[in-house]
Amino acid sequence: MNNSELIKYCEGRIAYLESFVEAYTGIINPLRYEEKTKAYKDIIRELSRTRIRVTAEEKPKKEDATFDGYEWYVMAQDVLYNCWGETPFEYVAKNEKEYPHWTCAPQLPEVTP
């Protein structure tokens, strides 16, 4: 399964859980199902961060370039240099021919000295 298929599966599970809770309100404990729904939403958010997007179809926004206090940059494919690198999200959004693809910057692990 690729990211898109996994996201679609998680969205289906969320819809099922939400409809189940709605159908059995007053009979079941909804908190148990809210935790499962939140877990699927967290998976969708993380998978969405790693998928590669076509700039012409989906421009990067500030939310895409923000994590752990690090903001303004996304990873973009630079056609001129034929490589991927950190680029300000606003520049990628305005120059879709120069940067045809982009993804969110990866979450870096903490490094202890």
PDB file of N, CA and C in Angstrom:
ATOM      1  N   MET A   1       0.839  -1.193   0.000  1.00  0.00           N
ATOM      2  CA  MET A   1       0.000   0.000   0.000  1.00  0.00           C
ATOM      3  C   MET A   1       0.875   1.245   0.000  1.00  0.00           C
ATOM      4  N   ASN A   2       0.473   2.226  -0.788  1.00  0.00           N
ATOM      5  CA  ASN A   2       1.188   3.502  -0.749  1.00  0.00           C
ATOM      6  C   ASN A   2       0.479   4.459   0.214  1.00  0.00           C
ATOM      7  N   ASN A   3       1.050   5.646   0.397  1.00  0.00           N
ATOM      8  CA  ASN A   3       0.487   6.606   1.351  1.00  0.00           C
ATOM      9  C   ASN A   3      -0.966   6.952   1.049  1.00  0.00           C
ATOM     10  N   SER A   4      -1.289   7.152  -0.207  1.00  0.00           N
ATOM     11  CA  SER A   4      -2.657   7.533  -0.571  1.00  0.00           C
ATOM     12  C   SER A   4      -3.654   6.436  -0.211  1.00  0.00           C
ATOM     13  N   GLU A   5      -3.270   5.176  -0.453  1.00  0.00           N
ATOM     14  CA  GLU A   5      -4.154   4.054  -0.112  1.00  0.00           C
ATOM     15  C   GLU A   5      -4.320   3.926   1.407  1.00  0.00           C
ATOM     16  N   LEU A   6      -3.224   4.131   2.145  1.00  0.00           N
ATOM     17  CA  LEU A   6      -3.309   4.067   3.605  1.00  0.00           C
ATOM     18  C   LEU A   6      -4.178   5.196   4.162  1.00  0.00           C
ATOM     19  N   ILE A   7      -4.035   6.384   3.595  1.00  0.00           N
ATOM     20  CA  ILE A   7      -4.858   7.523   4.029  1.00  0.00           C
ATOM     21  C   ILE A   7      -6.334   7.221   3.770  1.00  0.00           C
ATOM     22  N   LYS A   8      -6.637   6.683   2.577  1.00  0.00           N
ATOM     23  CA  LYS A   8      -8.024   6.346   2.234  1.00  0.00           C
ATOM     24  C   LYS A   8      -8.582   5.288   3.193  1.00  0.00           C
ATOM     25  N   TYR A   9      -7.762   4.293   3.539  1.00  0.00           N
ATOM     26  CA  TYR A   9      -8.186   3.260   4.489  1.00  0.00           C
ATOM     27  C   TYR A   9      -8.496   3.885   5.853  1.00  0.00           C
ATOM     28  N   CYS A  10      -7.605   4.744   6.346  1.00  0.00           N
ATOM     29  CA  CYS A  10      -7.807   5.397   7.654  1.00  0.00           C
ATOM     30  C   CYS A  10      -9.052   6.277   7.644  1.00  0.00           C
ATOM     31  N   GLU A  11      -9.287   6.983   6.548  1.00  0.00           N
ATOM     32  CA  GLU A  11     -10.499   7.803   6.445  1.00  0.00           C
ATOM     33  C   GLU A  11     -11.751   6.933   6.501  1.00  0.00           C
ATOM     34  N   GLY A  12     -11.693   5.760   5.869  1.00  0.00           N
ATOM     35  CA  GLY A  12     -12.817   4.825   5.926  1.00  0.00           C
ATOM     36  C   GLY A  12     -13.061   4.313   7.332  1.00  0.00           C
ATOM     37  N   ARG A  13     -11.985   4.009   8.062  1.00  0.00           N
ATOM     38  CA  ARG A  13     -12.114   3.551   9.451  1.00  0.00           C
ATOM     39  C   ARG A  13     -12.715   4.654  10.322  1.00  0.00           C
ATOM     40  N   ILE A  14     -12.304   5.904  10.100  1.00  0.00           N
ATOM     41  CA  ILE A  14     -12.854   7.029  10.869  1.00  0.00           C
ATOM     42  C   ILE A  14     -14.348   7.151  10.613  1.00  0.00           C
ATOM     43  N   ALA A  15     -14.743   7.097   9.336  1.00  0.00           N
ATOM     44  CA  ALA A  15     -16.167   7.194   8.988  1.00  0.00           C
ATOM     45  C   ALA A  15     -16.960   6.063   9.637  1.00  0.00           C
ATOM     46  N   TYR A  16     -16.405   4.855   9.621  1.00  0.00           N
ATOM     47  CA  TYR A  16     -17.083   3.711  10.241  1.00  0.00           C
ATOM     48  C   TYR A  16     -17.238   3.922  11.745  1.00  0.00           C
ATOM     49  N   LEU A  17     -16.156   4.301  12.422  1.00  0.00           N
ATOM     50  CA  LEU A  17     -16.204   4.494  13.875  1.00  0.00           C
ATOM     51  C   LEU A  17     -17.181   5.601  14.259  1.00  0.00           C
ATOM     52  N   GLU A  18     -17.161   6.702  13.495  1.00  0.00           N
ATOM     53  CA  GLU A  18     -18.068   7.818  13.802  1.00  0.00           C
ATOM     54  C   GLU A  18     -19.519   7.407  13.595  1.00  0.00           C
ATOM     55  N   SER A  19     -19.812   6.642  12.545  1.00  0.00           N
ATOM     56  CA  SER A  19     -21.190   6.205  12.311  1.00  0.00           C
ATOM     57  C   SER A  19     -21.617   5.183  13.358  1.00  0.00           C
ATOM     58  N   PHE A  20     -20.686   4.334  13.799  1.00  0.00           N
ATOM     59  CA  PHE A  20     -20.969   3.348  14.840  1.00  0.00           C
ATOM     60  C   PHE A  20     -21.336   4.046  16.144  1.00  0.00           C
ATOM     61  N   VAL A  21     -20.543   5.043  16.527  1.00  0.00           N
ATOM     62  CA  VAL A  21     -20.800   5.791  17.765  1.00  0.00           C
ATOM     63  C   VAL A  21     -22.143   6.513  17.680  1.00  0.00           C
ATOM     64  N   GLU A  22     -22.417   7.089  16.519  1.00  0.00           N
ATOM     65  CA  GLU A  22     -23.696   7.797  16.337  1.00  0.00           C
ATOM     66  C   GLU A  22     -24.876   6.832  16.449  1.00  0.00           C
ATOM     67  N   ALA A  23     -24.735   5.650  15.877  1.00  0.00           N
ATOM     68  CA  ALA A  23     -25.831   4.669  15.890  1.00  0.00           C
ATOM     69  C   ALA A  23     -26.089   4.101  17.281  1.00  0.00           C
ATOM     70  N   TYR A  24     -25.039   4.004  18.100  1.00  0.00           N
ATOM     71  CA  TYR A  24     -25.182   3.379  19.414  1.00  0.00           C
ATOM     72  C   TYR A  24     -24.974   4.363  20.572  1.00  0.00           C
ATOM     73  N   THR A  25     -25.260   5.637  20.336  1.00  0.00           N
ATOM     74  CA  THR A  25     -25.144   6.638  21.390  1.00  0.00           C
ATOM     75  C   THR A  25     -26.056   6.266  22.555  1.00  0.00           C
ATOM     76  N   GLY A  26     -25.513   6.331  23.764  1.00  0.00           N
ATOM     77  CA  GLY A  26     -26.271   5.974  24.946  1.00  0.00           C
ATOM     78  C   GLY A  26     -26.112   4.522  25.348  1.00  0.00           C
ATOM     79  N   ILE A  27     -25.600   3.694  24.447  1.00  0.00           N
ATOM     80  CA  ILE A  27     -25.416   2.275  24.736  1.00  0.00           C
ATOM     81  C   ILE A  27     -23.934   1.957  24.987  1.00  0.00           C
ATOM     82  N   ILE A  28     -23.061   2.614  24.200  1.00  0.00           N
ATOM     83  CA  ILE A  28     -21.624   2.349  24.314  1.00  0.00           C
ATOM     84  C   ILE A  28     -20.912   3.565  24.912  1.00  0.00           C
ATOM     85  N   ASN A  29     -19.681   3.362  25.307  1.00  0.00           N
ATOM     86  CA  ASN A  29     -18.853   4.459  25.799  1.00  0.00           C
ATOM     87  C   ASN A  29     -18.144   5.107  24.602  1.00  0.00           C
ATOM     88  N   PRO A  30     -18.551   6.323  24.222  1.00  0.00           N
ATOM     89  CA  PRO A  30     -17.966   6.946  23.031  1.00  0.00           C
ATOM     90  C   PRO A  30     -16.491   7.312  23.198  1.00  0.00           C
ATOM     91  N   LEU A  31     -16.013   7.477  24.434  1.00  0.00           N
ATOM     92  CA  LEU A  31     -14.614   7.853  24.647  1.00  0.00           C
ATOM     93  C   LEU A  31     -13.659   6.811  24.092  1.00  0.00           C
ATOM     94  N   ARG A  32     -14.031   5.545  24.205  1.00  0.00           N
ATOM     95  CA  ARG A  32     -13.186   4.476  23.678  1.00  0.00           C
ATOM     96  C   ARG A  32     -13.013   4.604  22.167  1.00  0.00           C
ATOM     97  N   TYR A  33     -14.057   4.975  21.491  1.00  0.00           N
ATOM     98  CA  TYR A  33     -14.012   5.099  20.031  1.00  0.00           C
ATOM     99  C   TYR A  33     -13.393   6.426  19.601  1.00  0.00           C
ATOM    100  N   GLU A  34     -13.501   7.454  20.446  1.00  0.00           N
ATOM    101  CA  GLU A  34     -12.842   8.729  20.146  1.00  0.00           C
ATOM    102  C   GLU A  34     -11.324   8.560  20.137  1.00  0.00           C
ATOM    103  N   GLU A  35     -10.806   7.726  21.040  1.00  0.00           N
ATOM    104  CA  GLU A  35      -9.363   7.458  21.066  1.00  0.00           C
ATOM    105  C   GLU A  35      -8.916   6.776  19.778  1.00  0.00           C
ATOM    106  N   LYS A  36      -9.696   5.805  19.306  1.00  0.00           N
ATOM    107  CA  LYS A  36      -9.361   5.119  18.052  1.00  0.00           C
ATOM    108  C   LYS A  36      -9.428   6.097  16.879  1.00  0.00           C
ATOM    109  N   THR A  37     -10.473   6.921  16.862  1.00  0.00           N
ATOM    110  CA  THR A  37     -10.616   7.906  15.787  1.00  0.00           C
ATOM    111  C   THR A  37      -9.436   8.867  15.788  1.00  0.00           C
ATOM    112  N   LYS A  38      -9.031   9.335  16.965  1.00  0.00           N
ATOM    113  CA  LYS A  38      -7.880  10.240  17.069  1.00  0.00           C
ATOM    114  C   LYS A  38      -6.617   9.559  16.555  1.00  0.00           C
ATOM    115  N   ALA A  39      -6.442   8.285  16.865  1.00  0.00           N
ATOM    116  CA  ALA A  39      -5.262   7.546  16.401  1.00  0.00           C
ATOM    117  C   ALA A  39      -5.229   7.495  14.866  1.00  0.00           C
ATOM    118  N   TYR A  40      -6.377   7.223  14.238  1.00  0.00           N
ATOM    119  CA  TYR A  40      -6.426   7.222  12.773  1.00  0.00           C
ATOM    120  C   TYR A  40      -6.144   8.608  12.205  1.00  0.00           C
ATOM    121  N   LYS A  41      -6.650   9.655  12.846  1.00  0.00           N
ATOM    122  CA  LYS A  41      -6.390  11.024  12.380  1.00  0.00           C
ATOM    123  C   LYS A  41      -4.911  11.369  12.497  1.00  0.00           C
ATOM    124  N   ASP A  42      -4.258  10.902  13.564  1.00  0.00           N
ATOM    125  CA  ASP A  42      -2.814  11.125  13.722  1.00  0.00           C
ATOM    126  C   ASP A  42      -2.040  10.418  12.615  1.00  0.00           C
ATOM    127  N   ILE A  43      -2.461   9.197  12.268  1.00  0.00           N
ATOM    128  CA  ILE A  43      -1.807   8.460  11.188  1.00  0.00           C
ATOM    129  C   ILE A  43      -1.963   9.211   9.869  1.00  0.00           C
ATOM    130  N   ILE A  44      -3.162   9.715   9.599  1.00  0.00           N
ATOM    131  CA  ILE A  44      -3.405  10.470   8.361  1.00  0.00           C
ATOM    132  C   ILE A  44      -2.515  11.702   8.309  1.00  0.00           C
ATOM    133  N   ARG A  45      -2.414  12.421   9.429  1.00  0.00           N
ATOM    134  CA  ARG A  45      -1.587  13.633   9.463  1.00  0.00           C
ATOM    135  C   ARG A  45      -0.122  13.300   9.152  1.00  0.00           C
ATOM    136  N   GLU A  46       0.397  12.249   9.747  1.00  0.00           N
ATOM    137  CA  GLU A  46       1.795  11.879   9.524  1.00  0.00           C
ATOM    138  C   GLU A  46       2.029  11.381   8.100  1.00  0.00           C
ATOM    139  N   LEU A  47       1.114  10.574   7.578  1.00  0.00           N
ATOM    140  CA  LEU A  47       1.256  10.098   6.198  1.00  0.00           C
ATOM    141  C   LEU A  47       1.160  11.252   5.210  1.00  0.00           C
ATOM    142  N   SER A  48       0.302  12.201   5.503  1.00  0.00           N
ATOM    143  CA  SER A  48       0.135  13.347   4.621  1.00  0.00           C
ATOM    144  C   SER A  48       1.409  14.184   4.555  1.00  0.00           C
ATOM    145  N   ARG A  49       2.133  14.251   5.662  1.00  0.00           N
ATOM    146  CA  ARG A  49       3.389  15.014   5.682  1.00  0.00           C
ATOM    147  C   ARG A  49       4.422  14.423   4.726  1.00  0.00           C
ATOM    148  N   THR A  50       4.391  13.108   4.504  1.00  0.00           N
ATOM    149  CA  THR A  50       5.448  12.463   3.723  1.00  0.00           C
ATOM    150  C   THR A  50       5.111  12.291   2.245  1.00  0.00           C
ATOM    151  N   ARG A  51       3.891  12.576   1.858  1.00  0.00           N
ATOM    152  CA  ARG A  51       3.566  12.360   0.444  1.00  0.00           C
ATOM    153  C   ARG A  51       4.120  13.495  -0.421  1.00  0.00           C
ATOM    154  N   ILE A  52       4.503  13.162  -1.637  1.00  0.00           N
ATOM    155  CA  ILE A  52       5.041  14.149  -2.573  1.00  0.00           C
ATOM    156  C   ILE A  52       3.886  14.747  -3.347  1.00  0.00           C
ATOM    157  N   ARG A  53       3.857  16.068  -3.393  1.00  0.00           N
ATOM    158  CA  ARG A  53       2.758  16.787  -4.048  1.00  0.00           C
ATOM    159  C   ARG A  53       3.248  17.475  -5.317  1.00  0.00           C
ATOM    160  N   VAL A  54       2.332  17.654  -6.263  1.00  0.00           N
ATOM    161  CA  VAL A  54       2.616  18.398  -7.489  1.00  0.00           C
ATOM    162  C   VAL A  54       2.282  19.862  -7.195  1.00  0.00           C
ATOM    163  N   THR A  55       3.261  20.730  -7.347  1.00  0.00           N
ATOM    164  CA  THR A  55       3.101  22.142  -6.975  1.00  0.00           C
ATOM    165  C   THR A  55       1.980  22.822  -7.746  1.00  0.00           C
ATOM    166  N   ALA A  56       1.831  22.493  -9.027  1.00  0.00           N
ATOM    167  CA  ALA A  56       0.783  23.124  -9.834  1.00  0.00           C
ATOM    168  C   ALA A  56      -0.613  22.778  -9.323  1.00  0.00           C
ATOM    169  N   GLU A  57      -0.760  21.620  -8.701  1.00  0.00           N
ATOM    170  CA  GLU A  57      -2.067  21.182  -8.209  1.00  0.00           C
ATOM    171  C   GLU A  57      -2.309  21.548  -6.750  1.00  0.00           C
ATOM    172  N   GLU A  58      -1.239  21.583  -5.962  1.00  0.00           N
ATOM    173  CA  GLU A  58      -1.374  21.821  -4.526  1.00  0.00           C
ATOM    174  C   GLU A  58      -0.189  22.662  -4.035  1.00  0.00           C
ATOM    175  N   LYS A  59      -0.432  23.935  -3.855  1.00  0.00           N
ATOM    176  CA  LYS A  59       0.619  24.852  -3.403  1.00  0.00           C
ATOM    177  C   LYS A  59       0.887  24.662  -1.901  1.00  0.00           C
ATOM    178  N   PRO A  60       2.162  24.778  -1.483  1.00  0.00           N
ATOM    179  CA  PRO A  60       2.441  24.673  -0.050  1.00  0.00           C
ATOM    180  C   PRO A  60       1.935  25.891   0.713  1.00  0.00           C
ATOM    181  N   LYS A  61       1.502  25.646   1.948  1.00  0.00           N
ATOM    182  CA  LYS A  61       1.027  26.717   2.823  1.00  0.00           C
ATOM    183  C   LYS A  61       1.906  26.742   4.073  1.00  0.00           C
ATOM    184  N   LYS A  62       1.733  27.770   4.879  1.00  0.00           N
ATOM    185  CA  LYS A  62       2.542  27.908   6.088  1.00  0.00           C
ATOM    186  C   LYS A  62       2.391  26.689   7.000  1.00  0.00           C
ATOM    187  N   GLU A  63       1.170  26.121   7.093  1.00  0.00           N
ATOM    188  CA  GLU A  63       0.944  24.946   7.937  1.00  0.00           C
ATOM    189  C   GLU A  63       1.816  23.768   7.487  1.00  0.00           C
ATOM    190  N   ASP A  64       2.069  23.678   6.177  1.00  0.00           N
ATOM    191  CA  ASP A  64       2.886  22.591   5.645  1.00  0.00           C
ATOM    192  C   ASP A  64       4.357  22.770   6.003  1.00  0.00           C
ATOM    193  N   ALA A  65       4.742  23.998   6.287  1.00  0.00           N
ATOM    194  CA  ALA A  65       6.150  24.318   6.549  1.00  0.00           C
ATOM    195  C   ALA A  65       6.423  24.565   8.029  1.00  0.00           C
ATOM    196  N   THR A  66       5.531  24.136   8.901  1.00  0.00           N
ATOM    197  CA  THR A  66       5.689  24.397  10.331  1.00  0.00           C
ATOM    198  C   THR A  66       5.674  23.096  11.121  1.00  0.00           C
ATOM    199  N   PHE A  67       6.714  22.876  11.909  1.00  0.00           N
ATOM    200  CA  PHE A  67       6.740  21.767  12.860  1.00  0.00           C
ATOM    201  C   PHE A  67       7.860  22.015  13.863  1.00  0.00           C
ATOM    202  N   ASP A  68       7.600  21.668  15.099  1.00  0.00           N
ATOM    203  CA  ASP A  68       8.582  21.788  16.184  1.00  0.00           C
ATOM    204  C   ASP A  68       9.335  23.122  16.189  1.00  0.00           C
ATOM    205  N   GLY A  69       8.640  24.208  15.962  1.00  0.00           N
ATOM    206  CA  GLY A  69       9.285  25.516  15.990  1.00  0.00           C
ATOM    207  C   GLY A  69      10.062  25.851  14.728  1.00  0.00           C
ATOM    208  N   TYR A  70      10.143  24.928  13.796  1.00  0.00           N
ATOM    209  CA  TYR A  70      10.854  25.149  12.537  1.00  0.00           C
ATOM    210  C   TYR A  70       9.809  25.552  11.512  1.00  0.00           C
ATOM    211  N   GLU A  71       9.971  26.709  10.897  1.00  0.00           N
ATOM    212  CA  GLU A  71       8.957  27.120   9.930  1.00  0.00           C
ATOM    213  C   GLU A  71       9.552  27.751   8.682  1.00  0.00           C
ATOM    214  N   TRP A  72       8.713  27.890   7.709  1.00  0.00           N
ATOM    215  CA  TRP A  72       8.975  28.568   6.435  1.00  0.00           C
ATOM    216  C   TRP A  72       9.540  27.681   5.343  1.00  0.00           C
ATOM    217  N   TYR A  73      10.054  26.480   5.648  1.00  0.00           N
ATOM    218  CA  TYR A  73      10.681  25.677   4.617  1.00  0.00           C
ATOM    219  C   TYR A  73       9.937  24.374   4.344  1.00  0.00           C
ATOM    220  N   VAL A  74       9.957  23.970   3.066  1.00  0.00           N
ATOM    221  CA  VAL A  74       9.504  22.645   2.642  1.00  0.00           C
ATOM    222  C   VAL A  74      10.646  22.034   1.831  1.00  0.00           C
ATOM    223  N   MET A  75      10.568  20.740   1.596  1.00  0.00           N
ATOM    224  CA  MET A  75      11.547  20.092   0.718  1.00  0.00           C
ATOM    225  C   MET A  75      10.968  20.153  -0.697  1.00  0.00           C
ATOM    226  N   ALA A  76      11.742  20.729  -1.613  1.00  0.00           N
ATOM    227  CA  ALA A  76      11.237  20.915  -2.980  1.00  0.00           C
ATOM    228  C   ALA A  76      12.235  20.385  -4.003  1.00  0.00           C
ATOM    229  N   GLN A  77      11.693  19.894  -5.109  1.00  0.00           N
ATOM    230  CA  GLN A  77      12.520  19.407  -6.215  1.00  0.00           C
ATOM    231  C   GLN A  77      12.921  20.602  -7.069  1.00  0.00           C
ATOM    232  N   ASP A  78      14.212  20.839  -7.160  1.00  0.00           N
ATOM    233  CA  ASP A  78      14.742  21.960  -7.945  1.00  0.00           C
ATOM    234  C   ASP A  78      15.117  21.434  -9.331  1.00  0.00           C
ATOM    235  N   VAL A  79      14.403  21.880 -10.369  1.00  0.00           N
ATOM    236  CA  VAL A  79      14.638  21.405 -11.733  1.00  0.00           C
ATOM    237  C   VAL A  79      16.001  21.860 -12.246  1.00  0.00           C
ATOM    238  N   LEU A  80      16.396  23.077 -11.913  1.00  0.00           N
ATOM    239  CA  LEU A  80      17.658  23.640 -12.397  1.00  0.00           C
ATOM    240  C   LEU A  80      18.858  22.800 -11.952  1.00  0.00           C
ATOM    241  N   TYR A  81      18.899  22.419 -10.689  1.00  0.00           N
ATOM    242  CA  TYR A  81      20.023  21.651 -10.148  1.00  0.00           C
ATOM    243  C   TYR A  81      19.744  20.151 -10.060  1.00  0.00           C
ATOM    244  N   ASN A  82      18.560  19.732 -10.441  1.00  0.00           N
ATOM    245  CA  ASN A  82      18.153  18.328 -10.430  1.00  0.00           C
ATOM    246  C   ASN A  82      18.395  17.682  -9.062  1.00  0.00           C
ATOM    247  N   CYS A  83      17.878  18.331  -8.024  1.00  0.00           N
ATOM    248  CA  CYS A  83      18.022  17.796  -6.669  1.00  0.00           C
ATOM    249  C   CYS A  83      16.865  18.292  -5.793  1.00  0.00           C
ATOM    250  N   TRP A  84      16.794  17.740  -4.591  1.00  0.00           N
ATOM    251  CA  TRP A  84      15.806  18.167  -3.608  1.00  0.00           C
ATOM    252  C   TRP A  84      16.522  18.962  -2.531  1.00  0.00           C
ATOM    253  N   GLY A  85      15.850  19.994  -2.006  1.00  0.00           N
ATOM    254  CA  GLY A  85      16.450  20.771  -0.931  1.00  0.00           C
ATOM    255  C   GLY A  85      15.424  21.615  -0.198  1.00  0.00           C
ATOM    256  N   GLU A  86      15.844  22.163   0.938  1.00  0.00           N
ATOM    257  CA  GLU A  86      14.964  23.035   1.712  1.00  0.00           C
ATOM    258  C   GLU A  86      14.781  24.348   0.957  1.00  0.00           C
ATOM    259  N   THR A  87      13.529  24.746   0.815  1.00  0.00           N
ATOM    260  CA  THR A  87      13.198  25.963   0.087  1.00  0.00           C
ATOM    261  C   THR A  87      12.029  26.642   0.794  1.00  0.00           C
ATOM    262  N   PRO A  88      12.049  27.977   0.905  1.00  0.00           N
ATOM    263  CA  PRO A  88      10.914  28.655   1.534  1.00  0.00           C
ATOM    264  C   PRO A  88       9.603  28.313   0.814  1.00  0.00           C
ATOM    265  N   PHE A  89       8.567  27.989   1.595  1.00  0.00           N
ATOM    266  CA  PHE A  89       7.303  27.537   1.005  1.00  0.00           C
ATOM    267  C   PHE A  89       6.701  28.581   0.073  1.00  0.00           C
ATOM    268  N   GLU A  90       6.840  29.872   0.389  1.00  0.00           N
ATOM    269  CA  GLU A  90       6.269  30.925  -0.464  1.00  0.00           C
ATOM    270  C   GLU A  90       6.946  30.949  -1.830  1.00  0.00           C
ATOM    271  N   TYR A  91       8.249  30.707  -1.851  1.00  0.00           N
ATOM    272  CA  TYR A  91       8.989  30.705  -3.110  1.00  0.00           C
ATOM    273  C   TYR A  91       8.564  29.524  -3.977  1.00  0.00           C
ATOM    274  N   VAL A  92       8.362  28.366  -3.355  1.00  0.00           N
ATOM    275  CA  VAL A  92       7.910  27.178  -4.091  1.00  0.00           C
ATOM    276  C   VAL A  92       6.527  27.426  -4.687  1.00  0.00           C
ATOM    277  N   ALA A  93       5.634  28.040  -3.894  1.00  0.00           N
ATOM    278  CA  ALA A  93       4.266  28.291  -4.350  1.00  0.00           C
ATOM    279  C   ALA A  93       4.235  29.243  -5.551  1.00  0.00           C
ATOM    280  N   LYS A  94       5.168  30.181  -5.612  1.00  0.00           N
ATOM    281  CA  LYS A  94       5.194  31.167  -6.701  1.00  0.00           C
ATOM    282  C   LYS A  94       5.962  30.687  -7.931  1.00  0.00           C
ATOM    283  N   ASN A  95       6.770  29.638  -7.779  1.00  0.00           N
ATOM    284  CA  ASN A  95       7.626  29.179  -8.879  1.00  0.00           C
ATOM    285  C   ASN A  95       7.403  27.692  -9.164  1.00  0.00           C
ATOM    286  N   GLU A  96       6.208  27.357  -9.624  1.00  0.00           N
ATOM    287  CA  GLU A  96       5.862  25.948  -9.825  1.00  0.00           C
ATOM    288  C   GLU A  96       6.638  25.283 -10.957  1.00  0.00           C
ATOM    289  N   LYS A  97       7.134  26.041 -11.917  1.00  0.00           N
ATOM    290  CA  LYS A  97       7.926  25.435 -13.001  1.00  0.00           C
ATOM    291  C   LYS A  97       9.335  25.093 -12.504  1.00  0.00           C
ATOM    292  N   GLU A  98       9.897  25.928 -11.656  1.00  0.00           N
ATOM    293  CA  GLU A  98      11.226  25.688 -11.101  1.00  0.00           C
ATOM    294  C   GLU A  98      11.197  24.591 -10.023  1.00  0.00           C
ATOM    295  N   TYR A  99      10.076  24.529  -9.285  1.00  0.00           N
ATOM    296  CA  TYR A  99       9.900  23.539  -8.214  1.00  0.00           C
ATOM    297  C   TYR A  99       8.602  22.765  -8.460  1.00  0.00           C
ATOM    298  N   PRO A 100       8.627  21.755  -9.351  1.00  0.00           N
ATOM    299  CA  PRO A 100       7.392  21.057  -9.724  1.00  0.00           C
ATOM    300  C   PRO A 100       6.813  20.143  -8.636  1.00  0.00           C
ATOM    301  N   HIS A 101       7.649  19.690  -7.696  1.00  0.00           N
ATOM    302  CA  HIS A 101       7.192  18.787  -6.630  1.00  0.00           C
ATOM    303  C   HIS A 101       7.724  19.263  -5.285  1.00  0.00           C
ATOM    304  N   TRP A 102       6.951  18.954  -4.237  1.00  0.00           N
ATOM    305  CA  TRP A 102       7.391  19.321  -2.889  1.00  0.00           C
ATOM    306  C   TRP A 102       6.781  18.375  -1.870  1.00  0.00           C
ATOM    307  N   THR A 103       7.356  18.361  -0.689  1.00  0.00           N
ATOM    308  CA  THR A 103       6.827  17.614   0.448  1.00  0.00           C
ATOM    309  C   THR A 103       7.218  18.372   1.710  1.00  0.00           C
ATOM    310  N   CYS A 104       6.610  18.021   2.807  1.00  0.00           N
ATOM    311  CA  CYS A 104       6.944  18.668   4.073  1.00  0.00           C
ATOM    312  C   CYS A 104       8.358  18.274   4.489  1.00  0.00           C
ATOM    313  N   ALA A 105       9.043  19.179   5.162  1.00  0.00           N
ATOM    314  CA  ALA A 105      10.378  18.866   5.670  1.00  0.00           C
ATOM    315  C   ALA A 105      10.258  17.732   6.683  1.00  0.00           C
ATOM    316  N   PRO A 106      11.206  16.817   6.688  1.00  0.00           N
ATOM    317  CA  PRO A 106      11.097  15.674   7.604  1.00  0.00           C
ATOM    318  C   PRO A 106      11.269  16.084   9.059  1.00  0.00           C
ATOM    319  N   GLN A 107      10.644  15.321   9.932  1.00  0.00           N
ATOM    320  CA  GLN A 107      10.791  15.512  11.371  1.00  0.00           C
ATOM    321  C   GLN A 107      12.165  14.948  11.751  1.00  0.00           C
ATOM    322  N   LEU A 108      13.030  15.782  12.262  1.00  0.00           N
ATOM    323  CA  LEU A 108      14.371  15.335  12.599  1.00  0.00           C
ATOM    324  C   LEU A 108      14.426  14.790  14.014  1.00  0.00           C
ATOM    325  N   PRO A 109      15.233  13.750  14.253  1.00  0.00           N
ATOM    326  CA  PRO A 109      15.336  13.225  15.605  1.00  0.00           C
ATOM    327  C   PRO A 109      16.142  14.162  16.493  1.00  0.00           C
ATOM    328  N   GLU A 110      15.885  14.084  17.784  1.00  0.00           N
ATOM    329  CA  GLU A 110      16.650  14.896  18.724  1.00  0.00           C
ATOM    330  C   GLU A 110      18.059  14.323  18.831  1.00  0.00           C
ATOM    331  N   VAL A 111      19.029  15.213  18.873  1.00  0.00           N
ATOM    332  CA  VAL A 111      20.423  14.799  18.995  1.00  0.00           C
ATOM    333  C   VAL A 111      20.940  15.285  20.341  1.00  0.00           C
ATOM    334  N   THR A 112      21.459  14.378  21.115  1.00  0.00           N
ATOM    335  CA  THR A 112      22.007  14.772  22.410  1.00  0.00           C
ATOM    336  C   THR A 112      23.518  14.737  22.335  1.00  0.00           C
ATOM    337  N   PRO A 113      24.178  15.755  22.882  1.00  0.00           N
ATOM    338  CA  PRO A 113      25.647  15.798  22.816  1.00  0.00           C
ATOM    339  C   PRO A 113      26.292  14.750  23.707  1.00  0.00           C
TER     340      PRO A 113
END
